[in-house]
Each structure stands twice: as structure tokens, then as C-alpha cells.
N, C-alpha and C. Protein backbone atom coordinates (compact mmCIF):
# COMPACT_ATOMS: atom_id res chain seq x y z
N MET A 1 21.20 2.73 -7.11
CA MET A 1 20.21 2.66 -6.04
C MET A 1 20.04 1.21 -5.59
N PRO A 2 20.18 0.96 -4.30
CA PRO A 2 20.00 -0.41 -3.80
C PRO A 2 18.59 -0.93 -4.07
N VAL A 3 18.48 -2.25 -4.14
CA VAL A 3 17.19 -2.90 -4.37
C VAL A 3 16.94 -3.90 -3.24
N ILE A 4 15.68 -4.19 -3.00
CA ILE A 4 15.30 -5.18 -2.00
C ILE A 4 15.07 -6.50 -2.70
N ILE A 5 15.69 -7.55 -2.15
CA ILE A 5 15.53 -8.89 -2.71
C ILE A 5 15.08 -9.84 -1.60
N ASP A 6 14.48 -10.94 -2.00
CA ASP A 6 14.06 -11.96 -1.05
C ASP A 6 15.25 -12.79 -0.59
N TYR A 7 15.06 -13.47 0.52
CA TYR A 7 16.08 -14.33 1.09
C TYR A 7 16.53 -15.40 0.11
N GLU A 8 17.84 -15.59 0.06
CA GLU A 8 18.45 -16.72 -0.63
C GLU A 8 19.51 -17.27 0.31
N ASP A 9 19.64 -18.60 0.34
CA ASP A 9 20.60 -19.23 1.25
C ASP A 9 22.02 -18.71 1.06
N LYS A 10 22.36 -18.32 -0.16
CA LYS A 10 23.73 -17.85 -0.40
C LYS A 10 24.06 -16.56 0.36
N TYR A 11 23.03 -15.87 0.88
CA TYR A 11 23.25 -14.64 1.64
C TYR A 11 23.14 -14.85 3.15
N GLN A 12 23.07 -16.10 3.60
CA GLN A 12 22.92 -16.36 5.03
C GLN A 12 24.07 -15.77 5.84
N GLN A 13 25.29 -15.86 5.35
CA GLN A 13 26.42 -15.31 6.10
C GLN A 13 26.38 -13.78 6.16
N ASP A 14 25.85 -13.15 5.13
CA ASP A 14 25.65 -11.69 5.17
C ASP A 14 24.61 -11.34 6.23
N PHE A 15 23.53 -12.11 6.26
CA PHE A 15 22.47 -11.92 7.26
C PHE A 15 23.07 -12.01 8.67
N ARG A 16 23.87 -13.03 8.88
CA ARG A 16 24.50 -13.25 10.18
C ARG A 16 25.48 -12.11 10.51
N ARG A 17 26.36 -11.80 9.58
CA ARG A 17 27.40 -10.79 9.80
C ARG A 17 26.80 -9.42 10.12
N LEU A 18 25.85 -8.99 9.32
CA LEU A 18 25.27 -7.66 9.52
C LEU A 18 24.54 -7.56 10.86
N ASN A 19 23.77 -8.58 11.20
CA ASN A 19 23.03 -8.52 12.45
C ASN A 19 23.93 -8.68 13.68
N LEU A 20 24.97 -9.50 13.56
CA LEU A 20 25.91 -9.61 14.68
C LEU A 20 26.58 -8.26 14.96
N GLU A 21 26.79 -7.47 13.91
CA GLU A 21 27.44 -6.18 14.08
C GLU A 21 26.70 -5.31 15.09
N TRP A 22 25.40 -5.15 14.91
CA TRP A 22 24.68 -4.27 15.84
C TRP A 22 24.37 -4.96 17.16
N LEU A 23 24.11 -6.25 17.13
CA LEU A 23 23.82 -6.95 18.38
C LEU A 23 25.03 -6.92 19.33
N GLU A 24 26.21 -7.13 18.76
CA GLU A 24 27.42 -7.09 19.59
C GLU A 24 27.77 -5.66 20.00
N GLN A 25 27.57 -4.71 19.10
CA GLN A 25 27.86 -3.31 19.42
C GLN A 25 27.09 -2.84 20.65
N PHE A 26 25.84 -3.26 20.76
CA PHE A 26 25.01 -2.82 21.88
C PHE A 26 24.90 -3.87 22.98
N ASN A 27 25.74 -4.92 22.90
CA ASN A 27 25.77 -5.98 23.90
C ASN A 27 24.38 -6.60 24.09
N LEU A 28 23.71 -6.91 22.99
CA LEU A 28 22.36 -7.45 23.03
C LEU A 28 22.26 -8.89 22.52
N LEU A 29 23.36 -9.49 22.14
CA LEU A 29 23.33 -10.82 21.55
C LEU A 29 22.88 -11.87 22.55
N GLU A 30 21.87 -12.66 22.14
CA GLU A 30 21.35 -13.75 22.96
C GLU A 30 21.31 -15.03 22.14
N SER A 31 21.15 -16.15 22.82
CA SER A 31 21.12 -17.44 22.11
C SER A 31 19.98 -17.50 21.09
N HIS A 32 18.85 -16.87 21.38
CA HIS A 32 17.72 -16.84 20.44
C HIS A 32 18.13 -16.16 19.13
N ASP A 33 18.93 -15.10 19.23
CA ASP A 33 19.44 -14.43 18.03
C ASP A 33 20.27 -15.39 17.19
N LEU A 34 21.17 -16.09 17.84
CA LEU A 34 22.06 -17.00 17.10
C LEU A 34 21.27 -18.10 16.41
N GLU A 35 20.21 -18.58 17.03
CA GLU A 35 19.39 -19.61 16.42
C GLU A 35 18.78 -19.10 15.11
N ILE A 36 18.31 -17.86 15.12
CA ILE A 36 17.74 -17.26 13.90
C ILE A 36 18.83 -16.97 12.88
N LEU A 37 19.95 -16.40 13.33
CA LEU A 37 21.02 -16.01 12.41
C LEU A 37 21.70 -17.22 11.78
N ASP A 38 21.83 -18.28 12.53
CA ASP A 38 22.51 -19.48 12.01
C ASP A 38 21.60 -20.36 11.17
N HIS A 39 20.30 -20.26 11.39
CA HIS A 39 19.35 -21.12 10.67
C HIS A 39 18.11 -20.33 10.24
N PRO A 40 18.30 -19.30 9.43
CA PRO A 40 17.16 -18.45 9.06
C PRO A 40 16.10 -19.18 8.22
N ARG A 41 16.53 -20.08 7.37
CA ARG A 41 15.54 -20.79 6.55
C ARG A 41 14.63 -21.63 7.45
N GLU A 42 15.21 -22.42 8.34
CA GLU A 42 14.44 -23.30 9.20
C GLU A 42 13.58 -22.53 10.20
N ASN A 43 14.13 -21.45 10.77
CA ASN A 43 13.45 -20.74 11.85
C ASN A 43 12.53 -19.61 11.42
N VAL A 44 12.69 -19.14 10.19
CA VAL A 44 11.85 -18.03 9.73
C VAL A 44 11.11 -18.40 8.44
N ILE A 45 11.84 -18.68 7.40
CA ILE A 45 11.25 -18.90 6.07
C ILE A 45 10.32 -20.11 6.05
N ASP A 46 10.81 -21.25 6.54
CA ASP A 46 10.01 -22.48 6.51
C ASP A 46 8.80 -22.43 7.42
N ARG A 47 8.73 -21.44 8.29
CA ARG A 47 7.59 -21.27 9.21
C ARG A 47 6.63 -20.19 8.72
N GLY A 48 6.78 -19.81 7.45
CA GLY A 48 5.85 -18.84 6.87
C GLY A 48 6.30 -17.40 6.96
N GLY A 49 7.53 -17.17 7.39
CA GLY A 49 8.03 -15.80 7.49
C GLY A 49 8.85 -15.40 6.28
N PHE A 50 9.45 -14.23 6.37
CA PHE A 50 10.18 -13.65 5.26
C PHE A 50 11.43 -12.96 5.76
N ILE A 51 12.47 -13.00 4.95
CA ILE A 51 13.68 -12.22 5.19
C ILE A 51 14.00 -11.50 3.89
N PHE A 52 14.32 -10.23 4.03
CA PHE A 52 14.64 -9.41 2.86
C PHE A 52 16.04 -8.83 3.03
N PHE A 53 16.67 -8.61 1.90
CA PHE A 53 17.99 -8.00 1.89
C PHE A 53 17.94 -6.73 1.06
N LEU A 54 18.71 -5.75 1.48
CA LEU A 54 18.94 -4.55 0.70
C LEU A 54 20.29 -4.77 0.03
N LYS A 55 20.27 -4.76 -1.30
CA LYS A 55 21.47 -5.10 -2.07
C LYS A 55 21.89 -3.91 -2.93
N ASP A 56 23.16 -3.53 -2.80
CA ASP A 56 23.74 -2.45 -3.59
C ASP A 56 24.77 -3.09 -4.51
N ASN A 57 24.47 -3.14 -5.80
CA ASN A 57 25.28 -3.89 -6.75
C ASN A 57 25.34 -5.35 -6.27
N GLU A 58 26.50 -5.83 -5.89
CA GLU A 58 26.59 -7.22 -5.41
C GLU A 58 26.78 -7.32 -3.90
N THR A 59 26.64 -6.19 -3.21
CA THR A 59 26.88 -6.15 -1.76
C THR A 59 25.57 -6.08 -0.99
N ILE A 60 25.42 -6.95 0.00
CA ILE A 60 24.26 -6.91 0.89
C ILE A 60 24.56 -5.85 1.95
N ILE A 61 23.70 -4.82 2.02
CA ILE A 61 23.95 -3.70 2.91
C ILE A 61 22.90 -3.55 4.01
N GLY A 62 21.85 -4.38 3.95
CA GLY A 62 20.81 -4.29 4.97
C GLY A 62 19.96 -5.54 5.00
N THR A 63 19.27 -5.72 6.11
CA THR A 63 18.38 -6.86 6.28
C THR A 63 17.15 -6.45 7.06
N ALA A 64 16.08 -7.20 6.88
CA ALA A 64 14.87 -7.07 7.69
C ALA A 64 14.07 -8.34 7.48
N GLY A 65 13.33 -8.73 8.50
CA GLY A 65 12.55 -9.94 8.37
C GLY A 65 11.20 -9.83 9.05
N LEU A 66 10.34 -10.76 8.69
CA LEU A 66 9.03 -10.90 9.31
C LEU A 66 8.90 -12.34 9.79
N PHE A 67 8.79 -12.51 11.09
CA PHE A 67 8.57 -13.83 11.67
C PHE A 67 7.07 -14.00 11.83
N LYS A 68 6.54 -15.10 11.33
CA LYS A 68 5.09 -15.33 11.40
C LYS A 68 4.72 -15.92 12.75
N ASN A 69 4.03 -15.12 13.56
CA ASN A 69 3.53 -15.62 14.85
C ASN A 69 2.25 -16.44 14.65
N ASN A 70 1.38 -15.94 13.77
CA ASN A 70 0.15 -16.63 13.41
C ASN A 70 -0.41 -15.94 12.16
N ASP A 71 -1.57 -16.33 11.70
CA ASP A 71 -2.10 -15.77 10.45
C ASP A 71 -2.37 -14.28 10.54
N GLU A 72 -2.57 -13.75 11.73
CA GLU A 72 -2.89 -12.33 11.89
C GLU A 72 -1.71 -11.47 12.28
N GLU A 73 -0.62 -12.09 12.74
CA GLU A 73 0.45 -11.29 13.33
C GLU A 73 1.84 -11.74 12.87
N PHE A 74 2.62 -10.74 12.46
CA PHE A 74 4.03 -10.96 12.16
C PHE A 74 4.86 -10.14 13.14
N GLU A 75 6.07 -10.61 13.40
CA GLU A 75 7.03 -9.87 14.21
C GLU A 75 8.15 -9.38 13.31
N LEU A 76 8.41 -8.08 13.35
CA LEU A 76 9.54 -7.51 12.61
C LEU A 76 10.82 -7.93 13.31
N ILE A 77 11.74 -8.53 12.55
CA ILE A 77 12.98 -9.04 13.15
C ILE A 77 14.19 -8.61 12.33
N LYS A 78 15.31 -8.56 13.01
CA LYS A 78 16.64 -8.45 12.40
C LYS A 78 16.75 -7.37 11.34
N MET A 79 16.35 -6.17 11.72
CA MET A 79 16.43 -5.04 10.80
C MET A 79 17.73 -4.28 11.04
N PHE A 80 18.49 -4.08 9.96
CA PHE A 80 19.78 -3.42 10.08
C PHE A 80 20.22 -2.89 8.72
N VAL A 81 20.80 -1.69 8.73
CA VAL A 81 21.44 -1.13 7.54
C VAL A 81 22.88 -0.81 7.93
N ALA A 82 23.82 -1.23 7.08
CA ALA A 82 25.24 -1.00 7.35
C ALA A 82 25.50 0.49 7.59
N PRO A 83 26.37 0.81 8.55
CA PRO A 83 26.61 2.21 8.94
C PRO A 83 26.93 3.14 7.78
N GLU A 84 27.71 2.68 6.83
CA GLU A 84 28.10 3.58 5.73
C GLU A 84 26.94 3.90 4.78
N TYR A 85 25.79 3.23 4.95
CA TYR A 85 24.63 3.48 4.09
C TYR A 85 23.49 4.16 4.85
N ARG A 86 23.73 4.54 6.07
CA ARG A 86 22.68 5.18 6.87
C ARG A 86 22.49 6.63 6.46
N GLY A 87 21.35 7.16 6.86
CA GLY A 87 21.03 8.55 6.55
C GLY A 87 20.47 8.74 5.16
N LYS A 88 20.16 7.65 4.47
CA LYS A 88 19.66 7.71 3.10
C LYS A 88 18.25 7.12 2.98
N LYS A 89 17.60 6.93 4.13
CA LYS A 89 16.23 6.41 4.19
C LYS A 89 16.12 4.95 3.77
N PHE A 90 17.23 4.20 3.79
CA PHE A 90 17.17 2.79 3.42
C PHE A 90 16.45 1.96 4.49
N GLY A 91 16.56 2.37 5.76
CA GLY A 91 15.81 1.70 6.81
C GLY A 91 14.31 1.84 6.59
N ASP A 92 13.89 3.04 6.23
CA ASP A 92 12.46 3.27 5.92
C ASP A 92 12.03 2.41 4.74
N LEU A 93 12.89 2.29 3.74
CA LEU A 93 12.59 1.49 2.57
C LEU A 93 12.37 0.02 2.96
N LEU A 94 13.26 -0.53 3.77
CA LEU A 94 13.10 -1.91 4.24
C LEU A 94 11.84 -2.06 5.09
N LEU A 95 11.61 -1.11 5.98
CA LEU A 95 10.45 -1.19 6.86
C LEU A 95 9.16 -1.14 6.04
N GLN A 96 9.08 -0.23 5.08
CA GLN A 96 7.87 -0.15 4.26
C GLN A 96 7.67 -1.42 3.44
N HIS A 97 8.75 -2.03 3.02
CA HIS A 97 8.65 -3.29 2.29
C HIS A 97 8.05 -4.38 3.20
N CYS A 98 8.50 -4.43 4.44
CA CYS A 98 7.97 -5.41 5.40
C CYS A 98 6.50 -5.14 5.70
N ILE A 99 6.14 -3.89 5.88
CA ILE A 99 4.74 -3.54 6.13
C ILE A 99 3.88 -3.96 4.94
N GLY A 100 4.35 -3.68 3.74
CA GLY A 100 3.62 -4.06 2.53
C GLY A 100 3.44 -5.56 2.42
N LYS A 101 4.47 -6.32 2.76
CA LYS A 101 4.39 -7.78 2.71
C LYS A 101 3.39 -8.30 3.74
N ALA A 102 3.41 -7.75 4.94
CA ALA A 102 2.46 -8.17 5.98
C ALA A 102 1.03 -7.89 5.53
N ARG A 103 0.82 -6.74 4.92
CA ARG A 103 -0.53 -6.42 4.40
C ARG A 103 -0.92 -7.39 3.29
N GLU A 104 0.01 -7.68 2.41
CA GLU A 104 -0.23 -8.62 1.32
C GLU A 104 -0.64 -9.99 1.88
N MET A 105 -0.06 -10.36 3.01
CA MET A 105 -0.36 -11.64 3.65
C MET A 105 -1.62 -11.58 4.51
N LYS A 106 -2.30 -10.43 4.49
CA LYS A 106 -3.57 -10.22 5.22
C LYS A 106 -3.40 -10.24 6.74
N ALA A 107 -2.21 -9.88 7.20
CA ALA A 107 -2.00 -9.76 8.64
C ALA A 107 -2.73 -8.53 9.16
N SER A 108 -3.09 -8.54 10.41
CA SER A 108 -3.75 -7.38 11.00
C SER A 108 -2.80 -6.56 11.88
N LYS A 109 -1.62 -7.15 12.17
CA LYS A 109 -0.71 -6.45 13.08
C LYS A 109 0.73 -6.90 12.86
N ILE A 110 1.65 -5.95 13.05
CA ILE A 110 3.08 -6.25 13.13
C ILE A 110 3.53 -5.81 14.52
N ILE A 111 4.26 -6.68 15.20
CA ILE A 111 4.85 -6.31 16.48
C ILE A 111 6.37 -6.30 16.33
N LEU A 112 7.04 -5.69 17.27
CA LEU A 112 8.49 -5.75 17.31
C LEU A 112 8.94 -5.60 18.75
N TYR A 113 10.08 -6.18 19.03
CA TYR A 113 10.74 -6.03 20.32
C TYR A 113 12.04 -5.29 20.07
N SER A 114 12.38 -4.39 20.99
CA SER A 114 13.61 -3.63 20.82
C SER A 114 14.21 -3.34 22.18
N ASN A 115 15.22 -2.53 22.17
CA ASN A 115 15.91 -2.13 23.38
C ASN A 115 16.04 -0.62 23.38
N SER A 116 15.88 -0.02 24.55
CA SER A 116 15.88 1.44 24.66
C SER A 116 17.18 2.09 24.21
N HIS A 117 18.26 1.33 24.06
CA HIS A 117 19.52 1.89 23.55
C HIS A 117 19.44 2.19 22.05
N LEU A 118 18.48 1.62 21.36
CA LEU A 118 18.40 1.76 19.90
C LEU A 118 17.46 2.91 19.52
N GLN A 119 17.79 4.10 19.97
CA GLN A 119 16.91 5.26 19.81
C GLN A 119 16.64 5.63 18.35
N THR A 120 17.62 5.53 17.49
CA THR A 120 17.39 5.87 16.08
C THR A 120 16.35 4.94 15.47
N ALA A 121 16.46 3.66 15.75
CA ALA A 121 15.49 2.69 15.23
C ALA A 121 14.11 2.95 15.82
N ILE A 122 14.04 3.21 17.10
CA ILE A 122 12.75 3.45 17.76
C ILE A 122 12.06 4.67 17.15
N ARG A 123 12.81 5.74 16.90
CA ARG A 123 12.23 6.92 16.26
C ARG A 123 11.70 6.59 14.85
N MET A 124 12.43 5.76 14.12
CA MET A 124 11.97 5.37 12.79
C MET A 124 10.66 4.58 12.89
N TYR A 125 10.58 3.66 13.84
CA TYR A 125 9.36 2.88 14.01
C TYR A 125 8.19 3.81 14.37
N GLU A 126 8.42 4.73 15.29
CA GLU A 126 7.37 5.67 15.69
C GLU A 126 6.92 6.49 14.49
N LYS A 127 7.86 6.98 13.71
CA LYS A 127 7.54 7.80 12.54
C LYS A 127 6.70 7.02 11.53
N ASN A 128 6.86 5.71 11.51
CA ASN A 128 6.13 4.86 10.58
C ASN A 128 4.86 4.27 11.19
N GLY A 129 4.43 4.80 12.33
CA GLY A 129 3.13 4.44 12.88
C GLY A 129 3.12 3.40 13.98
N PHE A 130 4.26 2.87 14.37
CA PHE A 130 4.30 1.89 15.45
C PHE A 130 4.03 2.60 16.78
N LYS A 131 3.27 1.95 17.65
CA LYS A 131 2.92 2.50 18.96
C LYS A 131 3.53 1.62 20.05
N HIS A 132 3.95 2.24 21.13
CA HIS A 132 4.49 1.52 22.28
C HIS A 132 3.36 0.78 23.00
N VAL A 133 3.62 -0.45 23.40
CA VAL A 133 2.68 -1.24 24.19
C VAL A 133 3.48 -1.90 25.32
N ASP A 134 2.76 -2.47 26.28
CA ASP A 134 3.45 -3.15 27.38
C ASP A 134 4.26 -4.32 26.84
N VAL A 135 5.44 -4.51 27.41
CA VAL A 135 6.32 -5.60 26.99
C VAL A 135 5.78 -6.91 27.58
N THR A 136 5.29 -7.77 26.70
CA THR A 136 4.80 -9.08 27.10
C THR A 136 5.36 -10.12 26.15
N ASP A 137 5.58 -11.31 26.66
CA ASP A 137 6.01 -12.45 25.84
C ASP A 137 7.29 -12.19 25.05
N ALA A 138 8.18 -11.38 25.57
CA ALA A 138 9.41 -11.05 24.86
C ALA A 138 10.30 -12.29 24.71
N PRO A 139 10.76 -12.56 23.48
CA PRO A 139 11.66 -13.70 23.29
C PRO A 139 13.10 -13.39 23.70
N PHE A 140 13.35 -12.13 24.09
CA PHE A 140 14.70 -11.69 24.44
C PHE A 140 14.72 -11.10 25.84
N VAL A 141 15.71 -11.44 26.63
CA VAL A 141 15.88 -10.88 27.96
C VAL A 141 16.12 -9.37 27.86
N THR A 142 16.84 -8.95 26.83
CA THR A 142 17.22 -7.54 26.67
C THR A 142 16.12 -6.67 26.07
N ALA A 143 14.99 -7.27 25.70
CA ALA A 143 13.89 -6.50 25.10
C ALA A 143 13.14 -5.73 26.18
N ASP A 144 13.33 -4.41 26.21
CA ASP A 144 12.62 -3.59 27.18
C ASP A 144 11.60 -2.68 26.49
N ILE A 145 11.42 -2.88 25.19
CA ILE A 145 10.45 -2.13 24.40
C ILE A 145 9.70 -3.09 23.50
N LYS A 146 8.39 -2.90 23.44
CA LYS A 146 7.55 -3.62 22.49
C LYS A 146 6.68 -2.58 21.79
N MET A 147 6.57 -2.73 20.49
CA MET A 147 5.76 -1.80 19.71
C MET A 147 4.88 -2.63 18.77
N GLU A 148 3.79 -1.99 18.32
CA GLU A 148 2.94 -2.68 17.36
C GLU A 148 2.38 -1.68 16.36
N LEU A 149 2.10 -2.19 15.20
CA LEU A 149 1.47 -1.42 14.12
C LEU A 149 0.23 -2.19 13.69
N MET A 150 -0.92 -1.57 13.85
CA MET A 150 -2.16 -2.18 13.37
C MET A 150 -2.26 -1.90 11.88
N LEU A 151 -2.56 -2.94 11.12
CA LEU A 151 -2.62 -2.82 9.65
C LEU A 151 -4.06 -2.66 9.18
């Protein structure tokens, strides 16, 4: 059974590789993505955020992160499970881990930006209590969906 571990610099290339897979597949890659993928410690961890990995034996098979917008709000970022591991609720496991961490940090809300092409992910977010809101302040040109979860 895979386990969730905290970010370590030695897994930065796994973080980059896994997220590039889905971003390129759906033609959603933007310069903001590359900044996060190439420098996750500086852009997420050192700013009070978190990145988690789903690890199966010695293989990183999934990622998810929380970018700290402020003391009350985190943004769910870079969530992905490798295709061969899908359908086993590992996405839900990562998402619940992120929600638990945000609650532990006393946040009142998690937001996320997505794209309407990512229907499987959107359904998972909805199932876990995220609600659609107007798209405002999107850091991505391709973000046509914004959701939030009140904690």
C-alpha cells in the first residue's frame, strides 16, 4: 500500500516529471507551472506551503501540494496520480491528506484552480465538498474553473 510522505529535495525531479505529464497531455503548461516545478522548495515550502508525495515502495506515484496564500487560505496545487495507479482512490487519499494538513494549520479555506478538460479531477473535488465559485485572481491563463472548500 502506498504511503504519503513530505517533500524532500531528492524527489524534485519526480514532482516535475509527474506534473509535466498531465500538464502537457492537456496542453495546459504555463511559465507559472515551470517556476513551481523547477523550484518547489523556494516557491512553495519556504513560503509556508507543503508538497506531499504518494510513494509505492521506492517509486513516487503521485503528488499534491498546498500553497499558502495567507494564514486563512491555502491553494491546492499540482495534484496528480500516475495513470497506472488510478482507480484505487489514491487521489482521494492525497486530497484528504491536504485537507487534514490545512485544518491542522488552522486555515479556514482551500481554493483550487482547474480546467474544464479535467473532468475526473473536478468530480473528485466536488465529491470531497469543493464548491464552484467565480474565477477570480487565477494565476493561470488556462484556469477556467475555481473551487473552494470551507474548513
